[in-house]
Amino acid sequence: MAKKKADEKKPAEKKAEAKKPAKRVSWLGDDDVPRIDEMARKLDSFLTAMADGRVTTQELQDQEKRLVKLIKEVEPKLDDELHDKVTQLLCELTAYDLMQTLHSIQEAQPRTKFRG
């Protein structure tokens, strides 16, 4: 019988290694500015949707499905206190994102009115 090499790993060990979480990346930059927007802009789904400069109904529906899947995966794992804090976090993040988008649109508008 041939001996197994010392560096060979059992399938269960390989599977455990594959499931190691990625290094944690802070949600805040060094200047305490949220980095979620920056991280979202690097998502393959976002890059694909933005490639042609417009978001289709199908792309929006696909994003919603990814969001719902993650909510269903994460929400049950939270105790009541943490659930409350994460809910606040998500609401504040959404408000921040909406305000940032509206601010960008307002800043892009011309300052003077056309007088023709």
PDB file of N, CA and C in Angstrom:
ATOM      1  N   MET A   1       0.836  -1.172   0.000  1.00  0.00           N
ATOM      2  CA  MET A   1       0.000   0.000   0.000  1.00  0.00           C
ATOM      3  C   MET A   1       0.884   1.239   0.000  1.00  0.00           C
ATOM      4  N   ALA A   2       0.552   2.200  -0.843  1.00  0.00           N
ATOM      5  CA  ALA A   2       1.333   3.438  -0.910  1.00  0.00           C
ATOM      6  C   ALA A   2       0.939   4.360   0.228  1.00  0.00           C
ATOM      7  N   LYS A   3       1.937   4.998   0.794  1.00  0.00           N
ATOM      8  CA  LYS A   3       1.660   5.940   1.877  1.00  0.00           C
ATOM      9  C   LYS A   3       1.245   7.287   1.305  1.00  0.00           C
ATOM     10  N   LYS A   4       0.322   7.948   2.003  1.00  0.00           N
ATOM     11  CA  LYS A   4      -0.087   9.293   1.587  1.00  0.00           C
ATOM     12  C   LYS A   4       1.017  10.268   1.924  1.00  0.00           C
ATOM     13  N   LYS A   5       1.176  11.246   1.072  1.00  0.00           N
ATOM     14  CA  LYS A   5       2.146  12.299   1.350  1.00  0.00           C
ATOM     15  C   LYS A   5       1.681  13.095   2.561  1.00  0.00           C
ATOM     16  N   ALA A   6       2.624  13.575   3.329  1.00  0.00           N
ATOM     17  CA  ALA A   6       2.309  14.325   4.546  1.00  0.00           C
ATOM     18  C   ALA A   6       1.563  15.619   4.242  1.00  0.00           C
ATOM     19  N   ASP A   7       1.802  16.195   3.050  1.00  0.00           N
ATOM     20  CA  ASP A   7       1.174  17.471   2.730  1.00  0.00           C
ATOM     21  C   ASP A   7      -0.182  17.320   2.039  1.00  0.00           C
ATOM     22  N   GLU A   8      -0.591  16.081   1.770  1.00  0.00           N
ATOM     23  CA  GLU A   8      -1.913  15.879   1.174  1.00  0.00           C
ATOM     24  C   GLU A   8      -2.971  16.099   2.247  1.00  0.00           C
ATOM     25  N   LYS A   9      -4.050  16.744   1.879  1.00  0.00           N
ATOM     26  CA  LYS A   9      -5.105  17.038   2.838  1.00  0.00           C
ATOM     27  C   LYS A   9      -6.354  16.268   2.487  1.00  0.00           C
ATOM     28  N   LYS A  10      -7.096  15.949   3.530  1.00  0.00           N
ATOM     29  CA  LYS A  10      -8.356  15.249   3.345  1.00  0.00           C
ATOM     30  C   LYS A  10      -9.353  16.215   2.716  1.00  0.00           C
ATOM     31  N   PRO A  11     -10.365  15.691   1.993  1.00  0.00           N
ATOM     32  CA  PRO A  11     -11.377  16.566   1.387  1.00  0.00           C
ATOM     33  C   PRO A  11     -12.045  17.500   2.382  1.00  0.00           C
ATOM     34  N   ALA A  12     -12.301  17.020   3.590  1.00  0.00           N
ATOM     35  CA  ALA A  12     -12.941  17.865   4.603  1.00  0.00           C
ATOM     36  C   ALA A  12     -12.039  19.040   4.977  1.00  0.00           C
ATOM     37  N   GLU A  13     -10.726  18.801   5.046  1.00  0.00           N
ATOM     38  CA  GLU A  13      -9.780  19.877   5.365  1.00  0.00           C
ATOM     39  C   GLU A  13      -9.734  20.904   4.233  1.00  0.00           C
ATOM     40  N   LYS A  14      -9.753  20.407   2.988  1.00  0.00           N
ATOM     41  CA  LYS A  14      -9.741  21.314   1.837  1.00  0.00           C
ATOM     42  C   LYS A  14     -11.000  22.175   1.828  1.00  0.00           C
ATOM     43  N   LYS A  15     -12.140  21.545   2.151  1.00  0.00           N
ATOM     44  CA  LYS A  15     -13.409  22.273   2.178  1.00  0.00           C
ATOM     45  C   LYS A  15     -13.388  23.356   3.252  1.00  0.00           C
ATOM     46  N   ALA A  16     -12.839  23.048   4.408  1.00  0.00           N
ATOM     47  CA  ALA A  16     -12.753  24.020   5.499  1.00  0.00           C
ATOM     48  C   ALA A  16     -11.882  25.199   5.093  1.00  0.00           C
ATOM     49  N   GLU A  17     -10.784  24.917   4.399  1.00  0.00           N
ATOM     50  CA  GLU A  17      -9.907  25.996   3.935  1.00  0.00           C
ATOM     51  C   GLU A  17     -10.623  26.886   2.932  1.00  0.00           C
ATOM     52  N   ALA A  18     -11.409  26.301   2.063  1.00  0.00           N
ATOM     53  CA  ALA A  18     -12.113  27.061   1.035  1.00  0.00           C
ATOM     54  C   ALA A  18     -13.148  27.995   1.638  1.00  0.00           C
ATOM     55  N   LYS A  19     -13.659  27.674   2.834  1.00  0.00           N
ATOM     56  CA  LYS A  19     -14.705  28.486   3.441  1.00  0.00           C
ATOM     57  C   LYS A  19     -14.172  29.565   4.369  1.00  0.00           C
ATOM     58  N   LYS A  20     -12.854  29.724   4.464  1.00  0.00           N
ATOM     59  CA  LYS A  20     -12.302  30.767   5.323  1.00  0.00           C
ATOM     60  C   LYS A  20     -12.795  32.118   4.820  1.00  0.00           C
ATOM     61  N   PRO A  21     -13.283  32.956   5.719  1.00  0.00           N
ATOM     62  CA  PRO A  21     -13.754  34.272   5.275  1.00  0.00           C
ATOM     63  C   PRO A  21     -12.588  35.135   4.803  1.00  0.00           C
ATOM     64  N   ALA A  22     -12.899  36.022   3.883  1.00  0.00           N
ATOM     65  CA  ALA A  22     -11.885  36.956   3.398  1.00  0.00           C
ATOM     66  C   ALA A  22     -11.502  37.909   4.522  1.00  0.00           C
ATOM     67  N   LYS A  23     -10.355  38.513   4.383  1.00  0.00           N
ATOM     68  CA  LYS A  23      -9.916  39.484   5.382  1.00  0.00           C
ATOM     69  C   LYS A  23     -10.987  40.573   5.493  1.00  0.00           C
ATOM     70  N   ARG A  24     -11.323  40.935   6.713  1.00  0.00           N
ATOM     71  CA  ARG A  24     -12.350  41.940   6.953  1.00  0.00           C
ATOM     72  C   ARG A  24     -11.866  43.296   6.460  1.00  0.00           C
ATOM     73  N   VAL A  25     -12.712  43.948   5.686  1.00  0.00           N
ATOM     74  CA  VAL A  25     -12.437  45.291   5.190  1.00  0.00           C
ATOM     75  C   VAL A  25     -13.379  46.233   5.920  1.00  0.00           C
ATOM     76  N   SER A  26     -12.833  47.290   6.496  1.00  0.00           N
ATOM     77  CA  SER A  26     -13.650  48.225   7.264  1.00  0.00           C
ATOM     78  C   SER A  26     -14.658  48.935   6.373  1.00  0.00           C
ATOM     79  N   TRP A  27     -15.817  49.194   6.940  1.00  0.00           N
ATOM     80  CA  TRP A  27     -16.857  49.944   6.236  1.00  0.00           C
ATOM     81  C   TRP A  27     -16.533  51.430   6.209  1.00  0.00           C
ATOM     82  N   LEU A  28     -15.553  51.854   7.002  1.00  0.00           N
ATOM     83  CA  LEU A  28     -15.147  53.257   7.074  1.00  0.00           C
ATOM     84  C   LEU A  28     -13.705  53.411   6.615  1.00  0.00           C
ATOM     85  N   GLY A  29     -13.450  54.526   5.937  1.00  0.00           N
ATOM     86  CA  GLY A  29     -12.086  54.852   5.560  1.00  0.00           C
ATOM     87  C   GLY A  29     -11.356  55.471   6.746  1.00  0.00           C
ATOM     88  N   ASP A  30     -10.073  55.783   6.565  1.00  0.00           N
ATOM     89  CA  ASP A  30      -9.272  56.378   7.631  1.00  0.00           C
ATOM     90  C   ASP A  30      -9.860  57.697   8.124  1.00  0.00           C
ATOM     91  N   ASP A  31     -10.583  58.389   7.256  1.00  0.00           N
ATOM     92  CA  ASP A  31     -11.158  59.689   7.597  1.00  0.00           C
ATOM     93  C   ASP A  31     -12.606  59.569   8.089  1.00  0.00           C
ATOM     94  N   ASP A  32     -13.011  58.369   8.478  1.00  0.00           N
ATOM     95  CA  ASP A  32     -14.366  58.080   8.957  1.00  0.00           C
ATOM     96  C   ASP A  32     -15.455  58.369   7.922  1.00  0.00           C
ATOM     97  N   VAL A  33     -15.109  58.293   6.651  1.00  0.00           N
ATOM     98  CA  VAL A  33     -16.087  58.420   5.579  1.00  0.00           C
ATOM     99  C   VAL A  33     -16.514  57.006   5.182  1.00  0.00           C
ATOM    100  N   PRO A  34     -17.829  56.755   5.080  1.00  0.00           N
ATOM    101  CA  PRO A  34     -18.282  55.422   4.694  1.00  0.00           C
ATOM    102  C   PRO A  34     -17.688  54.985   3.350  1.00  0.00           C
ATOM    103  N   ARG A  35     -17.273  53.722   3.294  1.00  0.00           N
ATOM    104  CA  ARG A  35     -16.666  53.163   2.087  1.00  0.00           C
ATOM    105  C   ARG A  35     -17.607  52.210   1.351  1.00  0.00           C
ATOM    106  N   ILE A  36     -18.822  52.054   1.848  1.00  0.00           N
ATOM    107  CA  ILE A  36     -19.753  51.101   1.243  1.00  0.00           C
ATOM    108  C   ILE A  36     -19.995  51.446  -0.227  1.00  0.00           C
ATOM    109  N   ASP A  37     -20.167  52.729  -0.528  1.00  0.00           N
ATOM    110  CA  ASP A  37     -20.382  53.173  -1.901  1.00  0.00           C
ATOM    111  C   ASP A  37     -19.217  52.738  -2.786  1.00  0.00           C
ATOM    112  N   GLU A  38     -18.015  52.958  -2.291  1.00  0.00           N
ATOM    113  CA  GLU A  38     -16.802  52.574  -3.023  1.00  0.00           C
ATOM    114  C   GLU A  38     -16.773  51.056  -3.257  1.00  0.00           C
ATOM    115  N   MET A  39     -17.137  50.310  -2.246  1.00  0.00           N
ATOM    116  CA  MET A  39     -17.151  48.855  -2.358  1.00  0.00           C
ATOM    117  C   MET A  39     -18.235  48.385  -3.335  1.00  0.00           C
ATOM    118  N   ALA A  40     -19.397  49.017  -3.282  1.00  0.00           N
ATOM    119  CA  ALA A  40     -20.503  48.647  -4.168  1.00  0.00           C
ATOM    120  C   ALA A  40     -20.150  48.900  -5.633  1.00  0.00           C
ATOM    121  N   ARG A  41     -19.410  49.969  -5.872  1.00  0.00           N
ATOM    122  CA  ARG A  41     -19.030  50.305  -7.250  1.00  0.00           C
ATOM    123  C   ARG A  41     -18.056  49.296  -7.854  1.00  0.00           C
ATOM    124  N   LYS A  42     -17.504  48.420  -7.036  1.00  0.00           N
ATOM    125  CA  LYS A  42     -16.573  47.393  -7.516  1.00  0.00           C
ATOM    126  C   LYS A  42     -17.256  46.040  -7.721  1.00  0.00           C
ATOM    127  N   LEU A  43     -18.532  45.933  -7.338  1.00  0.00           N
ATOM    128  CA  LEU A  43     -19.261  44.677  -7.521  1.00  0.00           C
ATOM    129  C   LEU A  43     -19.419  44.376  -9.004  1.00  0.00           C
ATOM    130  N   ASP A  44     -19.214  43.117  -9.367  1.00  0.00           N
ATOM    131  CA  ASP A  44     -19.381  42.717 -10.767  1.00  0.00           C
ATOM    132  C   ASP A  44     -20.780  43.049 -11.267  1.00  0.00           C
ATOM    133  N   SER A  45     -21.784  42.813 -10.428  1.00  0.00           N
ATOM    134  CA  SER A  45     -23.167  43.077 -10.841  1.00  0.00           C
ATOM    135  C   SER A  45     -23.371  44.557 -11.151  1.00  0.00           C
ATOM    136  N   PHE A  46     -22.767  45.431 -10.352  1.00  0.00           N
ATOM    137  CA  PHE A  46     -22.889  46.873 -10.589  1.00  0.00           C
ATOM    138  C   PHE A  46     -22.145  47.264 -11.864  1.00  0.00           C
ATOM    139  N   LEU A  47     -20.927  46.770 -12.020  1.00  0.00           N
ATOM    140  CA  LEU A  47     -20.126  47.109 -13.201  1.00  0.00           C
ATOM    141  C   LEU A  47     -20.814  46.648 -14.482  1.00  0.00           C
ATOM    142  N   THR A  48     -21.401  45.456 -14.431  1.00  0.00           N
ATOM    143  CA  THR A  48     -22.116  44.940 -15.604  1.00  0.00           C
ATOM    144  C   THR A  48     -23.338  45.800 -15.918  1.00  0.00           C
ATOM    145  N   ALA A  49     -24.092  46.151 -14.887  1.00  0.00           N
ATOM    146  CA  ALA A  49     -25.296  46.960 -15.089  1.00  0.00           C
ATOM    147  C   ALA A  49     -24.952  48.344 -15.630  1.00  0.00           C
ATOM    148  N   MET A  50     -23.842  48.911 -15.190  1.00  0.00           N
ATOM    149  CA  MET A  50     -23.473  50.268 -15.582  1.00  0.00           C
ATOM    150  C   MET A  50     -22.669  50.333 -16.886  1.00  0.00           C
ATOM    151  N   ALA A  51     -22.305  49.203 -17.424  1.00  0.00           N
ATOM    152  CA  ALA A  51     -21.447  49.164 -18.618  1.00  0.00           C
ATOM    153  C   ALA A  51     -22.029  49.952 -19.787  1.00  0.00           C
ATOM    154  N   ASP A  52     -23.343  49.912 -19.960  1.00  0.00           N
ATOM    155  CA  ASP A  52     -23.958  50.634 -21.078  1.00  0.00           C
ATOM    156  C   ASP A  52     -24.547  51.982 -20.655  1.00  0.00           C
ATOM    157  N   GLY A  53     -24.345  52.360 -19.395  1.00  0.00           N
ATOM    158  CA  GLY A  53     -24.798  53.670 -18.941  1.00  0.00           C
ATOM    159  C   GLY A  53     -26.249  53.747 -18.510  1.00  0.00           C
ATOM    160  N   ARG A  54     -26.940  52.633 -18.512  1.00  0.00           N
ATOM    161  CA  ARG A  54     -28.325  52.640 -18.042  1.00  0.00           C
ATOM    162  C   ARG A  54     -28.630  51.338 -17.320  1.00  0.00           C
ATOM    163  N   VAL A  55     -29.567  51.409 -16.390  1.00  0.00           N
ATOM    164  CA  VAL A  55     -29.968  50.241 -15.618  1.00  0.00           C
ATOM    165  C   VAL A  55     -31.318  49.776 -16.150  1.00  0.00           C
ATOM    166  N   THR A  56     -31.349  48.549 -16.611  1.00  0.00           N
ATOM    167  CA  THR A  56     -32.602  48.011 -17.151  1.00  0.00           C
ATOM    168  C   THR A  56     -33.466  47.470 -16.012  1.00  0.00           C
ATOM    169  N   THR A  57     -34.734  47.244 -16.330  1.00  0.00           N
ATOM    170  CA  THR A  57     -35.654  46.661 -15.350  1.00  0.00           C
ATOM    171  C   THR A  57     -35.146  45.298 -14.913  1.00  0.00           C
ATOM    172  N   GLN A  58     -34.617  44.511 -15.844  1.00  0.00           N
ATOM    173  CA  GLN A  58     -34.112  43.177 -15.521  1.00  0.00           C
ATOM    174  C   GLN A  58     -32.906  43.258 -14.590  1.00  0.00           C
ATOM    175  N   GLU A  59     -32.012  44.201 -14.835  1.00  0.00           N
ATOM    176  CA  GLU A  59     -30.839  44.365 -13.968  1.00  0.00           C
ATOM    177  C   GLU A  59     -31.267  44.762 -12.552  1.00  0.00           C
ATOM    178  N   LEU A  60     -32.260  45.615 -12.452  1.00  0.00           N
ATOM    179  CA  LEU A  60     -32.783  46.022 -11.150  1.00  0.00           C
ATOM    180  C   LEU A  60     -33.438  44.836 -10.435  1.00  0.00           C
ATOM    181  N   GLN A  61     -34.198  44.033 -11.169  1.00  0.00           N
ATOM    182  CA  GLN A  61     -34.830  42.845 -10.582  1.00  0.00           C
ATOM    183  C   GLN A  61     -33.778  41.832 -10.123  1.00  0.00           C
ATOM    184  N   ASP A  62     -32.724  41.668 -10.914  1.00  0.00           N
ATOM    185  CA  ASP A  62     -31.643  40.755 -10.536  1.00  0.00           C
ATOM    186  C   ASP A  62     -30.946  41.229  -9.258  1.00  0.00           C
ATOM    187  N   GLN A  63     -30.731  42.539  -9.150  1.00  0.00           N
ATOM    188  CA  GLN A  63     -30.105  43.091  -7.947  1.00  0.00           C
ATOM    189  C   GLN A  63     -31.003  42.878  -6.731  1.00  0.00           C
ATOM    190  N   GLU A  64     -32.298  43.061  -6.925  1.00  0.00           N
ATOM    191  CA  GLU A  64     -33.245  42.841  -5.829  1.00  0.00           C
ATOM    192  C   GLU A  64     -33.195  41.389  -5.360  1.00  0.00           C
ATOM    193  N   LYS A  65     -33.101  40.449  -6.299  1.00  0.00           N
ATOM    194  CA  LYS A  65     -33.021  39.033  -5.933  1.00  0.00           C
ATOM    195  C   LYS A  65     -31.760  38.749  -5.121  1.00  0.00           C
ATOM    196  N   ARG A  66     -30.629  39.337  -5.505  1.00  0.00           N
ATOM    197  CA  ARG A  66     -29.390  39.145  -4.745  1.00  0.00           C
ATOM    198  C   ARG A  66     -29.540  39.727  -3.340  1.00  0.00           C
ATOM    199  N   LEU A  67     -30.162  40.884  -3.243  1.00  0.00           N
ATOM    200  CA  LEU A  67     -30.380  41.537  -1.951  1.00  0.00           C
ATOM    201  C   LEU A  67     -31.283  40.685  -1.057  1.00  0.00           C
ATOM    202  N   VAL A  68     -32.392  40.203  -1.589  1.00  0.00           N
ATOM    203  CA  VAL A  68     -33.339  39.386  -0.821  1.00  0.00           C
ATOM    204  C   VAL A  68     -32.661  38.101  -0.353  1.00  0.00           C
ATOM    205  N   LYS A  69     -31.862  37.498  -1.213  1.00  0.00           N
ATOM    206  CA  LYS A  69     -31.157  36.264  -0.843  1.00  0.00           C
ATOM    207  C   LYS A  69     -30.228  36.513   0.349  1.00  0.00           C
ATOM    208  N   LEU A  70     -29.484  37.611   0.328  1.00  0.00           N
ATOM    209  CA  LEU A  70     -28.582  37.928   1.439  1.00  0.00           C
ATOM    210  C   LEU A  70     -29.343  38.270   2.715  1.00  0.00           C
ATOM    211  N   ILE A  71     -30.439  38.997   2.581  1.00  0.00           N
ATOM    212  CA  ILE A  71     -31.254  39.319   3.756  1.00  0.00           C
ATOM    213  C   ILE A  71     -31.754  38.034   4.410  1.00  0.00           C
ATOM    214  N   LYS A  72     -32.246  37.101   3.602  1.00  0.00           N
ATOM    215  CA  LYS A  72     -32.765  35.839   4.134  1.00  0.00           C
ATOM    216  C   LYS A  72     -31.658  35.003   4.780  1.00  0.00           C
ATOM    217  N   GLU A  73     -30.448  35.148   4.296  1.00  0.00           N
ATOM    218  CA  GLU A  73     -29.313  34.410   4.856  1.00  0.00           C
ATOM    219  C   GLU A  73     -28.825  35.026   6.171  1.00  0.00           C
ATOM    220  N   VAL A  74     -28.769  36.353   6.229  1.00  0.00           N
ATOM    221  CA  VAL A  74     -28.156  37.042   7.366  1.00  0.00           C
ATOM    222  C   VAL A  74     -29.140  37.345   8.491  1.00  0.00           C
ATOM    223  N   GLU A  75     -30.320  37.812   8.163  1.00  0.00           N
ATOM    224  CA  GLU A  75     -31.264  38.282   9.191  1.00  0.00           C
ATOM    225  C   GLU A  75     -31.545  37.252  10.292  1.00  0.00           C
ATOM    226  N   PRO A  76     -31.772  35.985   9.963  1.00  0.00           N
ATOM    227  CA  PRO A  76     -32.065  35.015  11.029  1.00  0.00           C
ATOM    228  C   PRO A  76     -30.889  34.784  11.990  1.00  0.00           C
ATOM    229  N   LYS A  77     -29.696  35.141  11.581  1.00  0.00           N
ATOM    230  CA  LYS A  77     -28.512  34.921  12.414  1.00  0.00           C
ATOM    231  C   LYS A  77     -28.307  36.016  13.459  1.00  0.00           C
ATOM    232  N   LEU A  78     -29.088  37.081  13.376  1.00  0.00           N
ATOM    233  CA  LEU A  78     -28.915  38.218  14.276  1.00  0.00           C
ATOM    234  C   LEU A  78     -29.810  38.092  15.506  1.00  0.00           C
ATOM    235  N   ASP A  79     -29.235  38.374  16.679  1.00  0.00           N
ATOM    236  CA  ASP A  79     -30.094  38.442  17.863  1.00  0.00           C
ATOM    237  C   ASP A  79     -30.888  39.746  17.783  1.00  0.00           C
ATOM    238  N   ASP A  80     -31.874  39.913  18.658  1.00  0.00           N
ATOM    239  CA  ASP A  80     -32.781  41.067  18.571  1.00  0.00           C
ATOM    240  C   ASP A  80     -32.058  42.407  18.646  1.00  0.00           C
ATOM    241  N   GLU A  81     -31.107  42.509  19.568  1.00  0.00           N
ATOM    242  CA  GLU A  81     -30.388  43.773  19.736  1.00  0.00           C
ATOM    243  C   GLU A  81     -29.559  44.111  18.497  1.00  0.00           C
ATOM    244  N   LEU A  82     -28.830  43.124  17.982  1.00  0.00           N
ATOM    245  CA  LEU A  82     -28.016  43.356  16.792  1.00  0.00           C
ATOM    246  C   LEU A  82     -28.904  43.597  15.562  1.00  0.00           C
ATOM    247  N   HIS A  83     -30.044  42.888  15.501  1.00  0.00           N
ATOM    248  CA  HIS A  83     -30.984  43.094  14.400  1.00  0.00           C
ATOM    249  C   HIS A  83     -31.450  44.550  14.369  1.00  0.00           C
ATOM    250  N   ASP A  84     -31.756  45.094  15.545  1.00  0.00           N
ATOM    251  CA  ASP A  84     -32.193  46.486  15.631  1.00  0.00           C
ATOM    252  C   ASP A  84     -31.100  47.432  15.138  1.00  0.00           C
ATOM    253  N   LYS A  85     -29.860  47.193  15.554  1.00  0.00           N
ATOM    254  CA  LYS A  85     -28.737  48.055  15.151  1.00  0.00           C
ATOM    255  C   LYS A  85     -28.464  47.942  13.653  1.00  0.00           C
ATOM    256  N   VAL A  86     -28.511  46.735  13.120  1.00  0.00           N
ATOM    257  CA  VAL A  86     -28.267  46.545  11.681  1.00  0.00           C
ATOM    258  C   VAL A  86     -29.396  47.170  10.873  1.00  0.00           C
ATOM    259  N   THR A  87     -30.629  47.092  11.379  1.00  0.00           N
ATOM    260  CA  THR A  87     -31.755  47.738  10.703  1.00  0.00           C
ATOM    261  C   THR A  87     -31.531  49.247  10.654  1.00  0.00           C
ATOM    262  N   GLN A  88     -31.118  49.824  11.780  1.00  0.00           N
ATOM    263  CA  GLN A  88     -30.805  51.262  11.808  1.00  0.00           C
ATOM    264  C   GLN A  88     -29.680  51.580  10.820  1.00  0.00           C
ATOM    265  N   LEU A  89     -28.653  50.752  10.827  1.00  0.00           N
ATOM    266  CA  LEU A  89     -27.516  50.951   9.923  1.00  0.00           C
ATOM    267  C   LEU A  89     -27.966  50.950   8.463  1.00  0.00           C
ATOM    268  N   LEU A  90     -28.769  49.978   8.092  1.00  0.00           N
ATOM    269  CA  LEU A  90     -29.228  49.879   6.707  1.00  0.00           C
ATOM    270  C   LEU A  90     -30.107  51.070   6.324  1.00  0.00           C
ATOM    271  N   CYS A  91     -30.958  51.504   7.240  1.00  0.00           N
ATOM    272  CA  CYS A  91     -31.810  52.671   6.965  1.00  0.00           C
ATOM    273  C   CYS A  91     -30.980  53.940   6.828  1.00  0.00           C
ATOM    274  N   GLU A  92     -30.022  54.135   7.729  1.00  0.00           N
ATOM    275  CA  GLU A  92     -29.144  55.309   7.644  1.00  0.00           C
ATOM    276  C   GLU A  92     -28.298  55.274   6.371  1.00  0.00           C
ATOM    277  N   LEU A  93     -27.822  54.092   6.015  1.00  0.00           N
ATOM    278  CA  LEU A  93     -27.027  53.937   4.794  1.00  0.00           C
ATOM    279  C   LEU A  93     -27.858  54.268   3.555  1.00  0.00           C
ATOM    280  N   THR A  94     -29.087  53.785   3.536  1.00  0.00           N
ATOM    281  CA  THR A  94     -29.969  54.066   2.404  1.00  0.00           C
ATOM    282  C   THR A  94     -30.290  55.552   2.318  1.00  0.00           C
ATOM    283  N   ALA A  95     -30.582  56.182   3.458  1.00  0.00           N
ATOM    284  CA  ALA A  95     -30.846  57.623   3.483  1.00  0.00           C
ATOM    285  C   ALA A  95     -29.617  58.393   3.000  1.00  0.00           C
ATOM    286  N   TYR A  96     -28.443  58.012   3.468  1.00  0.00           N
ATOM    287  CA  TYR A  96     -27.185  58.656   3.059  1.00  0.00           C
ATOM    288  C   TYR A  96     -26.987  58.538   1.553  1.00  0.00           C
ATOM    289  N   ASP A  97     -27.226  57.340   1.029  1.00  0.00           N
ATOM    290  CA  ASP A  97     -27.053  57.108  -0.405  1.00  0.00           C
ATOM    291  C   ASP A  97     -28.030  57.953  -1.222  1.00  0.00           C
ATOM    292  N   LEU A  98     -29.289  57.995  -0.788  1.00  0.00           N
ATOM    293  CA  LEU A  98     -30.291  58.805  -1.496  1.00  0.00           C
ATOM    294  C   LEU A  98     -29.936  60.293  -1.436  1.00  0.00           C
ATOM    295  N   MET A  99     -29.536  60.756  -0.258  1.00  0.00           N
ATOM    296  CA  MET A  99     -29.161  62.165  -0.104  1.00  0.00           C
ATOM    297  C   MET A  99     -27.944  62.500  -0.961  1.00  0.00           C
ATOM    298  N   GLN A 100     -26.981  61.591  -0.992  1.00  0.00           N
ATOM    299  CA  GLN A 100     -25.770  61.806  -1.788  1.00  0.00           C
ATOM    300  C   GLN A 100     -26.120  61.881  -3.281  1.00  0.00           C
ATOM    301  N   THR A 101     -27.014  61.017  -3.734  1.00  0.00           N
ATOM    302  CA  THR A 101     -27.437  61.019  -5.138  1.00  0.00           C
ATOM    303  C   THR A 101     -28.164  62.321  -5.480  1.00  0.00           C
ATOM    304  N   LEU A 102     -29.103  62.722  -4.621  1.00  0.00           N
ATOM    305  CA  LEU A 102     -29.838  63.968  -4.866  1.00  0.00           C
ATOM    306  C   LEU A 102     -28.902  65.178  -4.839  1.00  0.00           C
ATOM    307  N   HIS A 103     -27.961  65.175  -3.921  1.00  0.00           N
ATOM    308  CA  HIS A 103     -26.992  66.269  -3.839  1.00  0.00           C
ATOM    309  C   HIS A 103     -26.172  66.353  -5.134  1.00  0.00           C
ATOM    310  N   SER A 104     -25.747  65.217  -5.639  1.00  0.00           N
ATOM    311  CA  SER A 104     -24.970  65.185  -6.881  1.00  0.00           C
ATOM    312  C   SER A 104     -25.779  65.732  -8.057  1.00  0.00           C
ATOM    313  N   ILE A 105     -27.057  65.366  -8.106  1.00  0.00           N
ATOM    314  CA  ILE A 105     -27.928  65.865  -9.179  1.00  0.00           C
ATOM    315  C   ILE A 105     -28.102  67.374  -9.053  1.00  0.00           C
ATOM    316  N   GLN A 106     -28.320  67.850  -7.822  1.00  0.00           N
ATOM    317  CA  GLN A 106     -28.503  69.291  -7.601  1.00  0.00           C
ATOM    318  C   GLN A 106     -27.239  70.068  -7.955  1.00  0.00           C
ATOM    319  N   GLU A 107     -26.092  69.537  -7.603  1.00  0.00           N
ATOM    320  CA  GLU A 107     -24.822  70.214  -7.897  1.00  0.00           C
ATOM    321  C   GLU A 107     -24.537  70.249  -9.395  1.00  0.00           C
ATOM    322  N   ALA A 108     -25.059  69.273 -10.138  1.00  0.00           N
ATOM    323  CA  ALA A 108     -24.817  69.206 -11.577  1.00  0.00           C
ATOM    324  C   ALA A 108     -25.725  70.146 -12.365  1.00  0.00           C
ATOM    325  N   GLN A 109     -26.799  70.645 -11.737  1.00  0.00           N
ATOM    326  CA  GLN A 109     -27.715  71.540 -12.424  1.00  0.00           C
ATOM    327  C   GLN A 109     -27.049  72.899 -12.612  1.00  0.00           C
ATOM    328  N   PRO A 110     -27.339  73.537 -13.761  1.00  0.00           N
ATOM    329  CA  PRO A 110     -26.768  74.884 -13.990  1.00  0.00           C
ATOM    330  C   PRO A 110     -27.231  75.869 -12.934  1.00  0.00           C
ATOM    331  N   ARG A 111     -26.372  76.782 -12.568  1.00  0.00           N
ATOM    332  CA  ARG A 111     -26.666  77.778 -11.533  1.00  0.00           C
ATOM    333  C   ARG A 111     -27.507  78.942 -12.082  1.00  0.00           C
ATOM    334  N   THR A 112     -27.429  79.176 -13.351  1.00  0.00           N
ATOM    335  CA  THR A 112     -28.191  80.288 -13.932  1.00  0.00           C
ATOM    336  C   THR A 112     -29.332  79.757 -14.776  1.00  0.00           C
ATOM    337  N   LYS A 113     -30.352  80.580 -14.928  1.00  0.00           N
ATOM    338  CA  LYS A 113     -31.478  80.194 -15.750  1.00  0.00           C
ATOM    339  C   LYS A 113     -31.253  80.709 -17.154  1.00  0.00           C
ATOM    340  N   PHE A 114     -31.708  79.922 -18.126  1.00  0.00           N
ATOM    341  CA  PHE A 114     -31.586  80.312 -19.523  1.00  0.00           C
ATOM    342  C   PHE A 114     -32.589  81.434 -19.805  1.00  0.00           C
ATOM    343  N   ARG A 115     -32.093  82.499 -20.414  1.00  0.00           N
ATOM    344  CA  ARG A 115     -32.969  83.609 -20.823  1.00  0.00           C
ATOM    345  C   ARG A 115     -32.844  83.759 -22.322  1.00  0.00           C
ATOM    346  N   GLY A 116     -33.798  83.211 -22.993  1.00  0.00           N
ATOM    347  CA  GLY A 116     -33.730  83.173 -24.453  1.00  0.00           C
ATOM    348  C   GLY A 116     -34.428  84.217 -25.179  1.00  0.00           C
TER     349      GLY A 116
END
